[in-house]
Amino acid sequence: QVQLVESGGGLVQAGGSLRLSCVASGRTFSRNCMGWFRQAPGKERDLVAAISWSGVRTYYVDYVKGRFTISRDNAKNTVYLQMNSLKPEDTAVYYCAADSALSSSSGYYTTARDDYDYWGQGTQVTVSS
């Protein structure tokens, strides 16, 4: 059974930092694009960042550029999201996701939510002002 398990969420003051981790089990995702999404109450689940299987290419939504960094350790089947300079509007449940499609291109990633087939249960991030 494939599982993605997020950790690292919590309550932090504005300007603070958190590092989210997502550990995959049940299969390896070393040749798969992975991403972090977030969903605030009453809003859609949106992509925040994505990373190609090799890590050579990354994507960030505009409002987190320069503040968030996505990375991965394929040996540990783990993807990370380092979040700095957090703002109250970053408050949301953060989800890790993986695209089941294997890619031969080291730079491939997808920004389409429907391309992600595996999802974690989410971790709450709350930023107080």
Protein backbone atom coordinates (compact mmCIF):
# COMPACT_ATOMS: atom_id res chain seq x y z
CA GLN A 1 0.00 0.00 0.00
CA VAL A 2 1.41 3.35 -1.04
CA GLN A 3 1.45 6.02 1.64
CA LEU A 4 2.65 9.59 1.78
CA VAL A 5 3.01 10.90 5.32
CA GLU A 6 3.58 14.58 5.99
CA SER A 7 5.03 16.05 9.15
CA GLY A 8 6.47 19.32 10.40
CA GLY A 9 3.38 21.50 10.46
CA GLY A 10 2.41 23.57 13.46
CA LEU A 11 1.79 27.03 14.83
CA VAL A 12 4.36 29.71 14.10
CA GLN A 13 4.46 33.49 14.33
CA ALA A 14 4.60 35.63 11.22
CA GLY A 15 8.15 35.84 9.95
CA GLY A 16 8.99 32.42 11.30
CA SER A 17 9.98 29.21 9.53
CA LEU A 18 8.81 25.64 9.27
CA ARG A 19 10.16 22.64 7.40
CA LEU A 20 7.65 20.12 6.13
CA SER A 21 8.67 16.56 5.33
CA CYS A 22 6.86 13.93 3.31
CA VAL A 23 7.98 10.33 3.54
CA ALA A 24 6.73 7.87 0.95
CA SER A 25 6.36 4.16 1.53
CA GLY A 26 5.03 1.23 -0.44
CA ARG A 27 6.93 2.16 -3.59
CA THR A 28 9.78 4.36 -4.66
CA PHE A 29 9.15 7.75 -6.21
CA SER A 30 12.73 8.35 -7.27
CA ARG A 31 11.66 8.71 -10.93
CA ASN A 32 8.48 10.69 -10.25
CA CYS A 33 7.60 14.33 -10.02
CA MET A 34 6.39 15.37 -6.56
CA GLY A 35 4.66 18.44 -5.28
CA TRP A 36 3.29 20.34 -2.31
CA PHE A 37 -0.23 21.71 -2.36
CA ARG A 38 -2.15 23.72 0.18
CA GLN A 39 -5.78 24.28 0.97
CA ALA A 40 -7.16 27.04 3.13
CA PRO A 41 -10.72 26.86 4.51
CA GLY A 42 -13.27 27.47 1.79
CA LYS A 43 -10.66 27.52 -0.96
CA GLU A 44 -9.38 25.18 -3.63
CA ARG A 45 -6.37 22.96 -3.13
CA ASP A 46 -3.61 24.73 -5.06
CA LEU A 47 -0.10 23.78 -6.06
CA VAL A 48 2.58 25.58 -4.09
CA ALA A 49 5.74 23.91 -5.41
CA ALA A 50 6.81 20.99 -7.57
CA ILE A 51 10.09 19.21 -8.19
CA SER A 52 11.32 16.93 -10.93
CA TRP A 53 12.51 13.46 -9.97
CA SER A 54 16.15 14.49 -10.30
CA GLY A 55 15.65 17.72 -8.39
CA VAL A 56 17.22 19.76 -11.19
CA ARG A 57 14.01 21.65 -11.92
CA THR A 58 11.57 23.19 -9.53
CA TYR A 59 8.40 25.23 -9.77
CA TYR A 60 6.95 27.76 -7.31
CA VAL A 61 3.72 29.65 -7.38
CA ASP A 62 4.42 33.38 -7.45
CA TYR A 63 3.35 34.16 -3.91
CA VAL A 64 5.89 31.80 -2.32
CA LYS A 65 8.86 32.50 -4.59
CA GLY A 66 11.89 33.53 -2.60
CA ARG A 67 10.35 32.25 0.65
CA PHE A 68 9.74 28.52 0.09
CA THR A 69 12.18 25.88 -1.13
CA ILE A 70 11.24 22.40 -2.28
CA SER A 71 13.85 19.65 -2.22
CA ARG A 72 14.02 15.88 -2.19
CA ASP A 73 16.20 13.01 -1.04
CA ASN A 74 15.48 10.04 -3.28
CA ALA A 75 17.56 7.72 -1.13
CA LYS A 76 15.12 8.43 1.71
CA ASN A 77 12.04 8.59 -0.54
CA THR A 78 11.37 11.98 1.04
CA VAL A 79 10.43 15.43 -0.21
CA TYR A 80 10.75 18.60 1.83
CA LEU A 81 9.28 22.08 1.86
CA GLN A 82 11.31 24.70 3.68
CA MET A 83 9.07 27.68 4.44
CA ASN A 84 10.64 30.95 5.56
CA SER A 85 9.23 34.41 6.21
CA LEU A 86 5.83 32.91 6.82
CA LYS A 87 2.76 35.11 6.59
CA PRO A 88 -0.72 34.68 8.07
CA GLU A 89 -2.03 34.06 4.55
CA ASP A 90 0.15 30.96 4.37
CA THR A 91 -2.16 29.33 6.90
CA ALA A 92 -3.56 26.16 5.34
CA VAL A 93 -3.41 22.40 5.32
CA TYR A 94 -0.38 21.39 3.30
CA TYR A 95 -0.47 18.21 1.24
CA CYS A 96 2.30 16.22 -0.34
CA ALA A 97 1.52 14.57 -3.68
CA ALA A 98 3.22 12.33 -6.21
CA ASP A 99 2.69 11.79 -9.91
CA SER A 100 2.58 8.07 -10.67
CA ALA A 101 3.93 8.56 -14.19
CA LEU A 102 7.60 7.72 -14.66
CA SER A 103 9.61 10.21 -16.63
CA SER A 104 12.86 9.73 -18.48
CA SER A 105 13.36 13.50 -18.51
CA SER A 106 15.31 14.63 -15.47
CA GLY A 107 13.67 18.03 -15.68
CA TYR A 108 10.04 17.00 -15.95
CA TYR A 109 7.47 18.27 -13.49
CA THR A 110 3.77 18.96 -13.76
CA THR A 111 1.65 21.77 -12.34
CA ALA A 112 -1.67 20.06 -13.09
CA ARG A 113 -3.41 18.86 -9.95
CA ASP A 114 -5.07 15.99 -11.83
CA ASP A 115 -1.65 14.56 -12.73
CA TYR A 116 -0.93 13.80 -9.08
CA ASP A 117 -2.20 10.36 -8.15
CA TYR A 118 -0.96 9.86 -4.62
CA TRP A 119 -1.75 12.18 -1.74
CA GLY A 120 -0.82 12.49 1.89
CA GLN A 121 -3.28 13.20 4.65
CA GLY A 122 -2.09 16.76 5.09
CA THR A 123 -0.41 18.73 7.85
CA GLN A 124 -1.80 21.94 9.34
CA VAL A 125 0.28 25.09 9.16
CA THR A 126 -1.00 28.06 11.14
CA VAL A 127 0.76 31.42 11.04
CA SER A 128 -0.25 33.95 13.65
CA SER A 129 0.08 37.69 13.15
